[in-house]
N, C-alpha and C. Protein backbone atom coordinates (compact mmCIF):
# COMPACT_ATOMS: atom_id res chain seq x y z
N MET A 1 -70.25 -54.85 -257.11
CA MET A 1 -69.30 -55.43 -255.88
C MET A 1 -69.82 -54.38 -255.20
N LEU A 2 -70.23 -54.83 -253.85
CA LEU A 2 -70.29 -54.09 -252.50
C LEU A 2 -68.96 -53.21 -252.02
N LYS A 3 -69.52 -51.85 -252.20
CA LYS A 3 -68.26 -51.00 -251.72
C LYS A 3 -68.23 -50.29 -250.47
N LEU A 4 -67.39 -50.88 -249.50
CA LEU A 4 -67.35 -50.12 -248.08
C LEU A 4 -66.45 -49.59 -247.73
N ASP A 5 -65.49 -49.04 -248.70
CA ASP A 5 -64.22 -48.35 -248.18
C ASP A 5 -64.41 -47.45 -247.36
N GLY A 6 -63.75 -47.34 -246.04
CA GLY A 6 -63.81 -46.17 -244.99
C GLY A 6 -64.94 -46.65 -244.08
N THR A 7 -65.90 -47.56 -244.64
CA THR A 7 -66.86 -48.07 -243.11
C THR A 7 -66.10 -48.63 -242.07
N TRP A 8 -66.42 -47.92 -240.83
CA TRP A 8 -65.86 -48.52 -239.93
C TRP A 8 -65.98 -49.77 -239.02
N LEU A 9 -67.62 -49.68 -239.25
CA LEU A 9 -67.93 -51.12 -238.77
C LEU A 9 -69.06 -51.59 -239.51
N VAL A 10 -69.50 -52.53 -239.60
CA VAL A 10 -70.60 -53.54 -240.26
C VAL A 10 -70.96 -54.06 -238.99
N VAL A 11 -72.38 -54.25 -238.58
CA VAL A 11 -73.07 -55.38 -237.78
C VAL A 11 -74.08 -56.04 -238.39
N LEU A 12 -73.92 -57.51 -238.58
CA LEU A 12 -75.09 -58.46 -238.44
C LEU A 12 -75.66 -58.72 -237.42
N SER A 13 -76.57 -58.18 -236.87
CA SER A 13 -76.85 -58.49 -235.07
C SER A 13 -78.08 -59.12 -235.36
N ALA A 14 -78.29 -60.36 -236.29
CA ALA A 14 -79.07 -61.07 -236.33
C ALA A 14 -78.70 -62.77 -235.87
N CYS A 15 -79.49 -63.47 -235.59
CA CYS A 15 -78.90 -64.89 -235.15
C CYS A 15 -78.15 -65.57 -236.10
N GLU A 16 -76.99 -66.11 -235.60
CA GLU A 16 -76.00 -66.96 -236.60
C GLU A 16 -75.51 -66.24 -237.75
N THR A 17 -75.40 -65.14 -237.57
CA THR A 17 -74.91 -64.70 -238.90
C THR A 17 -73.81 -64.83 -239.46
N GLY A 18 -72.43 -65.14 -238.17
CA GLY A 18 -71.26 -65.60 -238.32
C GLY A 18 -71.28 -66.90 -238.78
N GLN A 19 -72.37 -67.67 -238.91
CA GLN A 19 -72.27 -69.33 -238.98
C GLN A 19 -72.43 -69.24 -240.89
N GLY A 20 -71.76 -70.19 -241.14
CA GLY A 20 -71.66 -70.67 -242.97
C GLY A 20 -71.56 -72.31 -242.98
N GLU A 21 -71.88 -72.20 -244.31
CA GLU A 21 -71.48 -74.02 -244.68
C GLU A 21 -70.33 -74.02 -245.34
N ALA A 22 -69.91 -75.27 -244.27
CA ALA A 22 -68.29 -75.38 -245.14
C ALA A 22 -68.60 -76.00 -246.46
N ARG A 23 -67.74 -75.06 -247.17
CA ARG A 23 -67.37 -75.63 -248.59
C ARG A 23 -65.66 -75.80 -248.55
N SER A 24 -65.61 -76.85 -249.50
CA SER A 24 -64.34 -77.33 -250.01
C SER A 24 -63.64 -75.83 -250.48
N GLY A 25 -62.30 -75.61 -250.12
CA GLY A 25 -61.35 -74.65 -250.13
C GLY A 25 -61.79 -73.28 -249.68
N GLU A 26 -63.03 -73.07 -249.00
CA GLU A 26 -63.51 -71.80 -248.76
C GLU A 26 -63.90 -71.83 -247.21
N GLY A 27 -64.18 -72.64 -246.27
CA GLY A 27 -64.41 -73.08 -244.86
C GLY A 27 -65.92 -72.19 -244.90
N CYS A 28 -66.19 -71.61 -243.08
CA CYS A 28 -67.01 -71.04 -242.57
C CYS A 28 -66.90 -69.62 -243.25
N TRP A 29 -66.11 -68.82 -243.17
CA TRP A 29 -65.77 -67.65 -243.17
C TRP A 29 -65.69 -66.69 -244.85
N VAL A 30 -66.51 -67.10 -245.46
CA VAL A 30 -66.89 -66.32 -246.76
C VAL A 30 -67.67 -65.15 -246.44
N ARG A 31 -68.46 -64.94 -245.85
CA ARG A 31 -69.11 -63.97 -245.59
C ARG A 31 -68.31 -62.82 -244.74
N ARG A 32 -67.76 -62.92 -243.90
CA ARG A 32 -66.78 -61.93 -243.22
C ARG A 32 -65.57 -61.35 -244.36
N ARG A 33 -65.07 -62.85 -245.21
CA ARG A 33 -64.03 -62.56 -246.08
C ARG A 33 -64.48 -61.30 -247.17
N GLY A 34 -65.75 -61.55 -247.56
CA GLY A 34 -66.39 -60.40 -248.55
C GLY A 34 -66.68 -59.16 -247.76
N PHE A 35 -66.81 -58.91 -246.82
CA PHE A 35 -67.05 -57.74 -246.00
C PHE A 35 -65.72 -57.06 -246.09
N ILE A 36 -64.67 -57.75 -245.46
CA ILE A 36 -63.57 -57.00 -245.08
C ILE A 36 -62.60 -56.95 -246.59
N GLN A 37 -63.05 -57.40 -247.37
CA GLN A 37 -62.66 -57.52 -249.10
C GLN A 37 -63.18 -55.97 -249.35
N ALA A 38 -64.48 -55.68 -249.24
CA ALA A 38 -65.21 -54.90 -249.53
C ALA A 38 -64.89 -53.17 -249.19
N GLY A 39 -63.83 -53.36 -248.01
CA GLY A 39 -63.57 -52.12 -247.20
C GLY A 39 -63.80 -52.33 -245.78
N ALA A 40 -64.73 -52.96 -245.66
CA ALA A 40 -65.12 -52.89 -243.55
C ALA A 40 -63.98 -53.01 -243.05
N GLN A 41 -63.45 -51.99 -241.65
CA GLN A 41 -62.66 -52.17 -240.81
C GLN A 41 -62.79 -53.33 -239.95
N ASN A 42 -63.89 -53.07 -239.53
CA ASN A 42 -64.77 -53.96 -238.31
C ASN A 42 -65.91 -54.79 -238.70
N LEU A 43 -66.21 -55.82 -238.26
CA LEU A 43 -67.42 -56.65 -238.90
C LEU A 43 -67.81 -57.37 -237.59
N LEU A 44 -68.90 -57.39 -236.89
CA LEU A 44 -69.72 -58.07 -235.77
C LEU A 44 -70.47 -58.89 -236.12
N MET A 45 -70.59 -60.34 -236.24
CA MET A 45 -71.32 -61.19 -236.46
C MET A 45 -71.76 -61.99 -235.20
N THR A 46 -72.98 -62.86 -235.18
CA THR A 46 -73.31 -63.58 -233.66
C THR A 46 -73.07 -65.26 -234.74
N LEU A 47 -72.35 -65.95 -233.45
CA LEU A 47 -72.40 -67.38 -233.90
C LEU A 47 -73.21 -68.21 -233.17
N TRP A 48 -74.46 -67.59 -232.43
CA TRP A 48 -75.56 -68.12 -231.65
C TRP A 48 -76.74 -67.30 -231.90
N SER A 49 -78.06 -67.89 -231.74
CA SER A 49 -79.36 -67.09 -231.51
C SER A 49 -79.27 -66.19 -230.55
N VAL A 50 -80.04 -65.01 -230.49
CA VAL A 50 -79.92 -63.87 -229.96
C VAL A 50 -81.55 -63.80 -229.53
N ALA A 51 -81.55 -62.98 -228.41
CA ALA A 51 -82.84 -62.66 -227.32
C ALA A 51 -82.99 -61.35 -228.31
N ASP A 52 -83.87 -60.82 -228.92
CA ASP A 52 -84.66 -59.96 -229.33
C ASP A 52 -84.40 -58.52 -228.54
N GLU A 53 -85.09 -58.61 -227.61
CA GLU A 53 -85.28 -57.79 -226.46
C GLU A 53 -83.77 -57.60 -226.11
N GLU A 54 -82.97 -58.14 -225.38
CA GLU A 54 -82.07 -58.17 -224.78
C GLU A 54 -80.86 -57.20 -225.90
N THR A 55 -80.81 -58.27 -227.09
CA THR A 55 -79.53 -57.43 -227.87
C THR A 55 -80.07 -56.30 -228.10
N SER A 56 -81.20 -55.86 -228.55
CA SER A 56 -81.35 -54.53 -228.67
C SER A 56 -80.67 -53.34 -227.63
N LYS A 57 -80.79 -54.17 -226.72
CA LYS A 57 -80.51 -53.11 -225.46
C LYS A 57 -78.93 -53.30 -225.42
N PHE A 58 -78.44 -54.69 -225.65
CA PHE A 58 -77.29 -54.70 -226.01
C PHE A 58 -76.14 -53.72 -226.89
N MET A 59 -76.81 -53.82 -227.84
CA MET A 59 -76.77 -53.19 -229.27
C MET A 59 -76.35 -51.58 -228.85
N LEU A 60 -77.16 -51.20 -228.32
CA LEU A 60 -77.10 -49.83 -227.95
C LEU A 60 -75.69 -49.61 -227.03
N ASP A 61 -75.54 -50.23 -226.07
CA ASP A 61 -74.55 -50.27 -225.22
C ASP A 61 -73.37 -50.34 -226.15
N PHE A 62 -73.18 -51.61 -226.81
CA PHE A 62 -72.11 -51.64 -227.83
C PHE A 62 -71.88 -50.24 -228.57
N TYR A 63 -72.93 -49.89 -229.34
CA TYR A 63 -72.44 -48.72 -230.34
C TYR A 63 -72.10 -47.30 -229.41
N ASP A 64 -72.45 -47.02 -228.65
CA ASP A 64 -72.23 -46.24 -227.46
C ASP A 64 -70.53 -46.05 -227.35
N ALA A 65 -70.41 -47.45 -226.72
CA ALA A 65 -68.84 -47.82 -226.33
C ALA A 65 -67.97 -47.77 -227.21
N ALA A 66 -68.30 -47.91 -228.41
CA ALA A 66 -67.53 -48.17 -229.42
C ALA A 66 -67.21 -46.89 -230.28
N HIS A 67 -68.41 -45.92 -230.44
CA HIS A 67 -68.40 -44.75 -230.81
C HIS A 67 -67.28 -43.79 -229.96
N GLN A 68 -67.53 -44.36 -228.50
CA GLN A 68 -66.62 -43.14 -227.45
C GLN A 68 -64.95 -43.55 -227.57
N SER A 69 -64.83 -45.08 -227.88
CA SER A 69 -63.71 -45.45 -227.72
C SER A 69 -63.00 -45.30 -229.03
N GLY A 70 -63.85 -45.65 -230.26
CA GLY A 70 -63.10 -45.76 -231.49
C GLY A 70 -62.32 -47.18 -231.32
N ASN A 71 -62.65 -47.99 -230.86
CA ASN A 71 -61.87 -49.47 -230.47
C ASN A 71 -63.47 -50.46 -230.45
N ALA A 72 -63.84 -50.74 -231.53
CA ALA A 72 -65.06 -51.77 -231.55
C ALA A 72 -64.71 -53.08 -230.69
N PRO A 73 -63.40 -53.46 -231.37
CA PRO A 73 -63.33 -55.36 -230.70
C PRO A 73 -63.40 -54.81 -228.98
N LYS A 74 -62.52 -54.06 -228.49
CA LYS A 74 -62.72 -53.59 -227.50
C LYS A 74 -63.70 -53.25 -226.42
N ALA A 75 -64.60 -52.28 -227.17
CA ALA A 75 -65.69 -52.10 -226.86
C ALA A 75 -66.89 -53.29 -226.64
N LEU A 76 -66.55 -54.03 -227.73
CA LEU A 76 -67.58 -55.35 -227.53
C LEU A 76 -67.07 -56.37 -226.35
N ALA A 77 -66.06 -56.59 -226.29
CA ALA A 77 -65.52 -57.08 -225.00
C ALA A 77 -65.63 -56.70 -223.65
N GLU A 78 -65.36 -55.15 -223.39
CA GLU A 78 -66.29 -54.82 -222.59
C GLU A 78 -67.63 -54.76 -222.19
N VAL A 79 -68.43 -54.59 -223.42
CA VAL A 79 -69.58 -54.84 -223.03
C VAL A 79 -70.30 -55.59 -223.05
N GLN A 80 -69.86 -56.83 -223.16
CA GLN A 80 -70.39 -58.32 -223.41
C GLN A 80 -69.75 -58.68 -221.85
N ARG A 81 -68.96 -58.06 -221.06
CA ARG A 81 -68.38 -58.18 -219.83
C ARG A 81 -69.40 -57.61 -218.97
N ASP A 82 -69.84 -56.49 -219.10
CA ASP A 82 -70.53 -55.57 -218.17
C ASP A 82 -72.03 -56.31 -218.17
N TRP A 83 -72.67 -56.94 -219.61
CA TRP A 83 -73.64 -57.51 -219.75
C TRP A 83 -73.86 -58.93 -219.16
N LEU A 84 -72.42 -59.53 -219.10
CA LEU A 84 -72.59 -61.12 -218.18
C LEU A 84 -72.55 -60.59 -216.69
N VAL A 85 -71.92 -59.89 -216.43
CA VAL A 85 -71.96 -59.42 -214.77
C VAL A 85 -73.49 -59.07 -214.53
N LYS A 86 -74.21 -57.95 -215.32
CA LYS A 86 -75.57 -57.52 -214.88
C LYS A 86 -76.48 -58.60 -215.12
N LEU A 87 -76.53 -59.87 -216.17
CA LEU A 87 -77.55 -60.20 -216.19
C LEU A 87 -77.34 -61.76 -215.06
N ARG A 88 -76.22 -62.12 -215.00
CA ARG A 88 -75.90 -62.89 -213.77
C ARG A 88 -76.25 -62.82 -212.24
N LYS A 89 -76.17 -61.49 -211.86
CA LYS A 89 -76.77 -60.46 -210.81
C LYS A 89 -78.23 -60.83 -210.44
N GLU A 90 -78.38 -60.31 -211.84
CA GLU A 90 -80.23 -60.03 -212.17
C GLU A 90 -81.07 -61.65 -212.39
N ARG A 91 -80.51 -62.38 -213.01
CA ARG A 91 -80.75 -63.79 -213.38
C ARG A 91 -79.94 -64.99 -212.78
N SER A 92 -79.34 -65.43 -213.59
CA SER A 92 -78.29 -66.40 -213.13
C SER A 92 -77.32 -66.39 -213.74
N LEU A 93 -76.22 -67.17 -213.91
CA LEU A 93 -75.16 -67.54 -214.42
C LEU A 93 -75.57 -68.19 -215.84
N ALA A 94 -76.27 -69.14 -215.85
CA ALA A 94 -76.81 -69.75 -216.95
C ALA A 94 -77.50 -69.16 -217.69
N GLU A 95 -78.33 -67.92 -217.30
CA GLU A 95 -79.17 -67.20 -218.37
C GLU A 95 -78.30 -66.09 -218.44
N ALA A 96 -77.19 -65.56 -217.85
CA ALA A 96 -76.39 -64.38 -218.16
C ALA A 96 -75.63 -65.30 -219.38
N VAL A 97 -75.07 -66.43 -219.50
CA VAL A 97 -74.17 -66.92 -220.72
C VAL A 97 -74.99 -67.11 -221.68
N ARG A 98 -76.56 -67.53 -221.61
CA ARG A 98 -77.14 -67.90 -222.50
C ARG A 98 -77.63 -66.10 -223.26
N LEU A 99 -77.66 -65.19 -222.88
CA LEU A 99 -78.03 -64.14 -223.23
C LEU A 99 -77.08 -63.42 -223.82
N ALA A 100 -75.81 -63.61 -223.10
CA ALA A 100 -74.56 -62.74 -223.52
C ALA A 100 -73.55 -63.36 -224.01
N GLY A 101 -73.33 -64.48 -223.81
CA GLY A 101 -72.03 -65.07 -223.70
C GLY A 101 -72.39 -65.67 -224.88
N PRO A 102 -70.79 -66.43 -225.52
CA PRO A 102 -70.44 -67.51 -226.58
C PRO A 102 -71.08 -68.77 -226.89
N SER A 103 -72.11 -68.83 -226.01
CA SER A 103 -72.88 -70.78 -226.38
C SER A 103 -74.42 -69.89 -226.43
N SER A 104 -75.05 -71.07 -227.04
CA SER A 104 -76.64 -71.00 -226.86
C SER A 104 -77.66 -71.81 -226.31
C-alpha cells in the first residue's frame, strides 16, 4: 500500500492522467481516491493532452506559486489564468485555450 501521509502535493503531469475508465460502482475517480486515501493532501492531474515544452514551463511557474502561497489550488488557478492571458497575447485565443485551458 502506498503511504503518502504528510505529502502536500502529488502531480501527475502527463497527458490525460485524470481520465479513467468508468466502472460500475467506481466511476472515473478511482486513481484520485487512491492518492487521497494514501494521504496526499493535494493532487493535480490532467484531463486533456498537454504540450511537452509549455507544460514544463507551466509546471515550474505552478511549483513556484504553490510553494510561495502554500495553496496549491489557488496557485494553479492563478498560473493557469496568467498563462491563458500570456498565450492569448503571444499566439491566439484558440492556441491559448488548447495549451493552457480545460479543453483539447
